[in-house]
């Protein structure tokens, strides 16, 4: 097992009852943003194969929240450029991986919320599968390289922010769509090498302590390979997803043998419900009035993910907040 703190084993398919806390414990409400201001910075991180990765970090700050950043002039966020990180102790690290044709800041509601609750989050633009450079003819090497780029992102913030990120504490792997594949592969899922007639390869990083996968794609490289994952997993997806349909996501979920594992399905969520930037360019599949409202998606994803990850780091008040009750969301919890 990788180096993360123990978990609470849950049962049932709906929200859990609040746990009784120790008298001196402080209850943290994960249904709302955390108490910290959120800062963001851009940096460059050395990647595999001599690549230089463009990265974005989000982190808690004690500075006053200022004007929200405009990500590459395309999407408005709430984080403020240049705030000083607040790291009296090392922060739990999260690495986010974008989808195919996505970008490092594609889901600001998610990464900014995690930072407000004390996480130090980093995401990189994955060369060859990003918003401006996707090359479908080169996806095979990209499939193999992406998990290493996730690991490099973690190494980069360890070096750039040594007071904030402890290499020995590892990181949670998160991602949307192709990024969901990347997170699973980094966590040790067995991958079929698309460049070697399907030979199995291990692209895992032993420093990963949890996975949160949003509408994950199998990249046509993971079959039953998720059976090799041995860290806690949360999968959130949409019943109306046309890009990574529910049946395909279940093929990633079903082989998992870890505890805990949590599966949430939004009845009217589509693929791009988890990636607001896509709705600037796309229609349907999560973009439009017939799908789950963006505010509902963000509240669901944020609370569930932040509570789940905080629980794995030993926060007792998080245990009962993984699975918020909502008639639009179906839960399976082991």
Protein backbone atom coordinates (compact mmCIF):
# COMPACT_ATOMS: atom_id res chain seq x y z
CA UNK A 1 0.00 0.00 0.00
CA UNK A 2 1.09 3.58 -0.66
CA UNK A 3 1.77 6.07 2.11
CA UNK A 4 -1.60 7.50 3.09
CA UNK A 5 -3.57 7.62 6.32
CA UNK A 6 -6.31 5.04 7.00
CA UNK A 7 -9.93 5.28 5.92
CA UNK A 8 -13.47 4.78 7.10
CA UNK A 9 -15.25 1.83 5.45
CA UNK A 10 -18.76 2.83 4.39
CA UNK A 11 -21.79 0.88 3.25
CA UNK A 12 -24.98 1.66 1.41
CA UNK A 13 -25.85 3.70 -1.64
CA UNK A 14 -26.89 7.11 -0.25
CA UNK A 15 -25.46 9.82 1.96
CA UNK A 16 -23.97 8.77 5.26
CA UNK A 17 -24.99 9.96 8.70
CA UNK A 18 -22.67 12.49 10.39
CA UNK A 19 -20.03 10.94 12.61
CA UNK A 20 -19.77 11.93 16.27
CA UNK A 21 -16.58 13.94 16.61
CA UNK A 22 -14.25 14.19 19.58
CA UNK A 23 -15.16 17.12 21.87
CA UNK A 24 -12.13 19.16 20.79
CA UNK A 25 -12.52 18.44 17.04
CA UNK A 26 -13.43 21.23 14.63
CA UNK A 27 -16.15 20.44 12.10
CA UNK A 28 -15.18 21.37 8.55
CA UNK A 29 -18.09 21.97 6.15
CA UNK A 30 -17.13 20.72 2.70
CA UNK A 31 -20.39 21.87 1.13
CA UNK A 32 -18.94 25.40 0.96
CA UNK A 33 -15.57 26.85 0.04
CA UNK A 34 -12.90 26.68 2.68
CA UNK A 35 -11.65 29.60 4.79
CA UNK A 36 -8.44 30.28 2.84
CA UNK A 37 -8.00 32.77 0.06
CA UNK A 38 -6.89 31.10 -3.17
CA UNK A 39 -3.78 32.14 -5.03
CA UNK A 40 -2.53 30.94 -8.39
CA UNK A 41 0.72 31.12 -10.32
CA UNK A 42 2.09 29.86 -13.62
CA UNK A 43 5.46 28.15 -13.89
CA UNK A 44 7.44 25.83 -16.13
CA UNK A 45 8.31 22.32 -14.96
CA UNK A 46 10.82 19.89 -16.51
CA UNK A 47 8.97 16.92 -17.95
CA UNK A 48 9.87 13.52 -19.37
CA UNK A 49 11.71 13.15 -22.68
CA UNK A 50 13.22 16.62 -22.34
CA UNK A 51 9.85 18.37 -22.45
CA UNK A 52 9.18 21.64 -20.63
CA UNK A 53 5.66 21.58 -19.18
CA UNK A 54 3.55 24.69 -18.70
CA UNK A 55 2.01 24.40 -15.23
CA UNK A 56 -0.53 26.20 -13.07
CA UNK A 57 -0.65 25.97 -9.29
CA UNK A 58 -3.46 26.81 -6.87
CA UNK A 59 -2.87 27.11 -3.14
CA UNK A 60 -4.29 28.49 0.12
CA UNK A 61 -3.18 31.98 1.12
CA UNK A 62 -3.58 34.31 4.09
CA UNK A 63 -3.54 37.33 1.77
CA UNK A 64 -6.80 39.10 0.97
CA UNK A 65 -8.58 37.69 -2.05
CA UNK A 66 -8.18 40.06 -4.97
CA UNK A 67 -9.51 40.18 -8.50
CA UNK A 68 -10.12 36.83 -10.13
CA UNK A 69 -7.70 35.61 -12.75
CA UNK A 70 -8.65 35.31 -16.41
CA UNK A 71 -7.10 32.02 -17.54
CA UNK A 72 -5.28 32.73 -20.81
CA UNK A 73 -7.94 35.38 -21.42
CA UNK A 74 -10.50 32.65 -22.11
CA UNK A 75 -12.11 31.61 -18.83
CA UNK A 76 -12.75 33.64 -15.72
CA UNK A 77 -11.66 32.23 -12.39
CA UNK A 78 -11.85 33.29 -8.76
CA UNK A 79 -8.23 32.67 -7.74
CA UNK A 80 -5.95 35.69 -7.55
CA UNK A 81 -2.61 35.88 -9.34
CA UNK A 82 0.46 36.27 -7.17
CA UNK A 83 -0.88 35.75 -3.66
CA UNK A 84 1.65 34.32 -1.20
CA UNK A 85 1.17 30.64 -0.32
CA UNK A 86 0.31 29.94 3.31
CA UNK A 87 2.23 26.85 4.38
CA UNK A 88 2.84 26.69 8.13
CA UNK A 89 3.07 22.95 7.51
CA UNK A 90 3.31 21.04 4.20
CA UNK A 91 0.00 20.93 2.37
CA UNK A 92 -1.55 17.77 0.90
CA UNK A 93 -0.77 17.81 -2.81
CA UNK A 94 -3.17 17.14 -5.69
CA UNK A 95 -2.18 16.76 -9.34
CA UNK A 96 -4.97 17.40 -11.88
CA UNK A 97 -4.82 16.08 -15.45
CA UNK A 98 -6.91 17.63 -18.23
CA UNK A 99 -8.91 15.82 -20.90
CA UNK A 100 -8.13 15.25 -24.57
CA UNK A 101 -8.11 18.68 -26.18
CA UNK A 102 -8.29 20.22 -22.73
CA UNK A 103 -6.08 22.62 -20.83
CA UNK A 104 -4.53 22.81 -17.37
CA UNK A 105 -7.14 25.29 -16.07
CA UNK A 106 -10.18 23.63 -17.67
CA UNK A 107 -12.00 22.99 -14.36
CA UNK A 108 -11.31 26.04 -12.17
CA UNK A 109 -14.32 25.42 -9.92
CA UNK A 110 -12.66 22.16 -8.81
CA UNK A 111 -9.00 23.12 -8.35
CA UNK A 112 -9.82 26.47 -6.73
CA UNK A 113 -12.21 24.83 -4.25
CA UNK A 114 -9.61 22.25 -3.23
CA UNK A 115 -7.09 25.03 -2.64
CA UNK A 116 -9.56 26.91 -0.41
CA UNK A 117 -9.67 23.79 1.79
CA UNK A 118 -5.90 23.66 2.17
CA UNK A 119 -4.74 21.53 -0.76
CA UNK A 120 -1.80 22.51 -2.96
CA UNK A 121 -2.92 21.76 -6.53
CA UNK A 122 -0.93 21.62 -9.75
CA UNK A 123 -1.91 20.91 -13.35
CA UNK A 124 0.16 20.91 -16.54
CA UNK A 125 -0.66 21.19 -20.21
CA UNK A 126 -0.04 17.69 -21.61
CA UNK A 127 1.88 18.12 -24.91
CA UNK A 128 0.17 16.49 -27.87
CA UNK A 129 -3.28 16.28 -26.27
CA UNK A 130 -4.02 19.87 -25.29
CA UNK A 131 -6.37 22.63 -26.36
CA UNK A 132 -4.02 23.97 -29.00
CA UNK A 133 -1.85 21.00 -30.00
CA UNK A 134 -3.84 17.76 -30.01
CA UNK A 135 -2.43 15.38 -32.61
CA UNK A 136 -4.58 12.27 -32.96
CA UNK A 137 -1.88 10.48 -34.94
CA UNK A 138 0.45 10.69 -31.93
CA UNK A 139 -1.92 9.57 -29.18
CA UNK A 140 -0.12 6.26 -28.60
CA UNK A 141 3.07 7.84 -27.18
CA UNK A 142 0.97 10.43 -25.37
CA UNK A 143 -0.95 7.64 -23.61
CA UNK A 144 2.33 6.26 -22.32
CA UNK A 145 3.87 9.63 -21.39
CA UNK A 146 0.99 11.30 -19.56
CA UNK A 147 1.41 9.50 -16.20
CA UNK A 148 5.09 10.50 -16.18
CA UNK A 149 4.03 14.11 -16.81
CA UNK A 150 1.73 13.87 -13.79
CA UNK A 151 4.65 12.64 -11.67
CA UNK A 152 6.84 15.42 -13.08
CA UNK A 153 4.21 17.97 -12.07
CA UNK A 154 4.47 16.78 -8.49
CA UNK A 155 8.27 16.84 -8.60
CA UNK A 156 8.07 20.38 -9.97
CA UNK A 157 6.05 21.76 -7.06
CA UNK A 158 8.23 19.93 -4.54
CA UNK A 159 11.21 21.82 -5.97
CA UNK A 160 9.46 25.17 -6.46
CA UNK A 161 7.57 25.22 -3.15
CA UNK A 162 9.63 23.18 -0.65
CA UNK A 163 7.87 24.71 2.36
CA UNK A 164 4.46 23.79 0.95
CA UNK A 165 4.90 20.32 -0.53
CA UNK A 166 6.68 17.37 1.06
CA UNK A 167 7.94 14.78 -1.41
CA UNK A 168 7.51 12.02 1.16
CA UNK A 169 3.78 12.71 1.52
CA UNK A 170 3.00 12.01 -2.14
CA UNK A 171 -0.05 13.25 -4.02
CA UNK A 172 -3.62 12.52 -5.00
CA UNK A 173 -4.08 11.89 -8.73
CA UNK A 174 -7.17 13.50 -10.26
CA UNK A 175 -8.34 14.16 -13.78
CA UNK A 176 -11.17 14.45 -16.28
CA UNK A 177 -11.72 12.12 -19.24
CA UNK A 178 -8.21 11.41 -20.64
CA UNK A 179 -7.04 12.85 -17.34
CA UNK A 180 -9.08 10.20 -15.54
CA UNK A 181 -7.11 7.56 -17.44
CA UNK A 182 -3.92 9.40 -16.50
CA UNK A 183 -4.86 9.35 -12.81
CA UNK A 184 -5.66 5.63 -12.87
CA UNK A 185 -2.43 4.82 -14.71
CA UNK A 186 -0.39 6.91 -12.27
CA UNK A 187 -2.05 4.98 -9.44
CA UNK A 188 -0.86 1.68 -10.87
CA UNK A 189 -3.57 0.53 -13.27
CA UNK A 190 -2.15 -1.94 -15.78
CA UNK A 191 -1.94 -0.35 -19.24
CA UNK A 192 -1.81 -2.07 -22.61
CA UNK A 193 1.02 -0.51 -24.58
CA UNK A 194 -0.50 0.80 -27.85
CA UNK A 195 2.95 0.87 -29.45
CA UNK A 196 3.82 -2.78 -28.66
CA UNK A 197 0.86 -4.90 -29.74
CA UNK A 198 -0.90 -4.48 -26.41
CA UNK A 199 1.91 -5.61 -24.10
CA UNK A 200 1.16 -4.66 -20.50
CA UNK A 201 3.17 -1.85 -18.95
CA UNK A 202 3.23 -0.39 -15.46
CA UNK A 203 3.23 3.41 -15.52
CA UNK A 204 2.41 3.80 -11.84
CA UNK A 205 3.93 6.13 -9.28
CA UNK A 206 4.15 4.72 -5.76
CA UNK A 207 3.65 8.20 -4.31
CA UNK A 208 -0.03 8.35 -5.33
CA UNK A 209 -2.30 7.97 -2.27
CA UNK A 210 -5.78 8.42 -3.81
CA UNK A 211 -7.62 8.83 -7.13
CA UNK A 212 -10.54 11.09 -8.04
CA UNK A 213 -11.59 10.42 -11.64
CA UNK A 214 -14.17 12.63 -13.37
CA UNK A 215 -15.92 10.95 -16.33
CA UNK A 216 -12.76 8.91 -16.96
CA UNK A 217 -11.81 7.57 -20.39
CA UNK A 218 -10.10 4.19 -20.68
CA UNK A 219 -7.87 5.55 -23.50
CA UNK A 220 -8.45 2.14 -25.13
CA UNK A 221 -5.46 1.08 -23.02
CA UNK A 222 -7.00 -0.05 -19.71
CA UNK A 223 -9.22 -3.13 -19.74
CA UNK A 224 -9.30 -4.85 -16.37
CA UNK A 225 -6.11 -3.03 -15.41
CA UNK A 226 -7.75 -1.05 -12.61
CA UNK A 227 -7.68 -4.26 -10.56
CA UNK A 228 -4.04 -3.34 -9.85
CA UNK A 229 -4.94 -0.03 -8.18
CA UNK A 230 -4.44 -0.27 -4.42
CA UNK A 231 -5.35 3.24 -3.20
CA UNK A 232 -8.79 4.72 -2.40
CA UNK A 233 -10.79 5.69 -5.51
CA UNK A 234 -13.70 8.04 -6.17
CA UNK A 235 -15.31 8.07 -9.63
CA UNK A 236 -17.85 10.77 -10.56
CA UNK A 237 -19.59 10.65 -13.93
CA UNK A 238 -22.80 11.48 -15.79
CA UNK A 239 -25.61 9.23 -16.95
CA UNK A 240 -26.04 11.38 -20.08
CA UNK A 241 -22.35 11.25 -21.02
CA UNK A 242 -21.94 10.52 -24.73
CA UNK A 243 -18.13 10.75 -24.84
CA UNK A 244 -17.28 8.31 -22.06
CA UNK A 245 -20.61 6.49 -21.67
CA UNK A 246 -21.62 5.04 -18.33
CA UNK A 247 -21.00 1.45 -19.49
CA UNK A 248 -17.40 2.32 -20.35
CA UNK A 249 -16.82 4.06 -17.01
CA UNK A 250 -18.24 1.01 -15.22
CA UNK A 251 -15.62 -1.14 -16.97
CA UNK A 252 -13.02 0.93 -15.12
CA UNK A 253 -14.97 0.77 -11.86
CA UNK A 254 -15.94 -2.90 -11.73
CA UNK A 255 -12.45 -4.46 -11.45
CA UNK A 256 -11.45 -2.21 -8.54
CA UNK A 257 -10.80 -4.21 -5.40
CA UNK A 258 -9.77 -1.36 -3.11
CA UNK A 259 -11.58 -0.06 -0.06
CA UNK A 260 -12.93 2.53 -0.01
CA UNK A 261 -14.22 3.00 -3.50
CA UNK A 262 -17.00 5.46 -4.25
CA UNK A 263 -19.05 5.80 -7.45
CA UNK A 264 -21.32 8.79 -8.07
CA UNK A 265 -23.55 9.19 -11.13
CA UNK A 266 -25.30 12.46 -11.94
CA UNK A 267 -28.56 11.64 -13.72
CA UNK A 268 -28.52 14.68 -16.02
CA UNK A 269 -24.77 15.30 -16.19
CA UNK A 270 -22.87 14.93 -19.44
CA UNK A 271 -19.19 14.68 -20.26
CA UNK A 272 -18.49 18.40 -20.33
CA UNK A 273 -20.38 19.08 -17.12
CA UNK A 274 -17.00 18.52 -15.45
CA UNK A 275 -15.05 20.82 -17.80
CA UNK A 276 -16.68 24.26 -18.22
CA UNK A 277 -14.12 25.47 -20.75
CA UNK A 278 -15.41 22.91 -23.28
CA UNK A 279 -18.79 24.62 -23.34
CA UNK A 280 -17.12 27.66 -24.90
CA UNK A 281 -16.48 25.49 -27.96
CA UNK A 282 -18.92 22.57 -27.79
CA UNK A 283 -22.67 22.00 -27.66
CA UNK A 284 -24.46 19.13 -25.95
CA UNK A 285 -22.97 16.38 -23.79
CA UNK A 286 -23.16 18.53 -20.66
CA UNK A 287 -23.40 21.92 -22.38
CA UNK A 288 -26.94 23.28 -22.45
CA UNK A 289 -30.08 23.86 -20.42
CA UNK A 290 -31.16 20.21 -20.58
CA UNK A 291 -28.16 19.11 -18.49
CA UNK A 292 -27.40 19.42 -14.79
CA UNK A 293 -26.82 23.06 -13.89
CA UNK A 294 -23.18 24.04 -13.55
CA UNK A 295 -23.73 25.26 -9.98
CA UNK A 296 -25.19 21.86 -9.02
CA UNK A 297 -22.31 19.98 -10.64
CA UNK A 298 -19.67 22.12 -8.96
CA UNK A 299 -21.29 21.78 -5.53
CA UNK A 300 -21.51 17.99 -5.94
CA UNK A 301 -18.01 17.47 -7.31
CA UNK A 302 -16.38 19.90 -4.91
CA UNK A 303 -17.94 18.59 -1.71
CA UNK A 304 -17.50 14.93 -2.59
CA UNK A 305 -13.90 15.27 -3.79
CA UNK A 306 -12.67 17.57 -1.03
CA UNK A 307 -14.31 15.48 1.71
CA UNK A 308 -13.05 12.21 0.22
CA UNK A 309 -9.46 13.42 -0.11
CA UNK A 310 -9.47 15.11 3.29
CA UNK A 311 -10.75 11.90 4.85
CA UNK A 312 -7.80 9.99 3.43
CA UNK A 313 -5.51 12.51 5.11
CA UNK A 314 -7.11 11.87 8.50
CA UNK A 315 -9.70 14.69 8.78
CA UNK A 316 -12.49 13.15 10.93
CA UNK A 317 -15.26 15.60 10.01
CA UNK A 318 -14.82 14.70 6.32
CA UNK A 319 -15.85 11.06 6.69
CA UNK A 320 -19.60 11.68 6.60
CA UNK A 321 -19.56 14.19 3.72
CA UNK A 322 -18.40 12.11 0.74
CA UNK A 323 -21.86 11.38 -0.64
CA UNK A 324 -24.21 14.40 -0.37
CA UNK A 325 -27.84 13.41 -0.71
CA UNK A 326 -29.40 14.65 -3.93
CA UNK A 327 -32.19 13.02 -5.98
CA UNK A 328 -30.11 13.63 -9.12
CA UNK A 329 -27.12 11.65 -7.86
CA UNK A 330 -26.89 7.87 -7.41
CA UNK A 331 -24.18 6.53 -5.11
CA UNK A 332 -22.41 3.23 -4.74
CA UNK A 333 -20.04 3.06 -1.77
CA UNK A 334 -17.85 0.14 -0.72
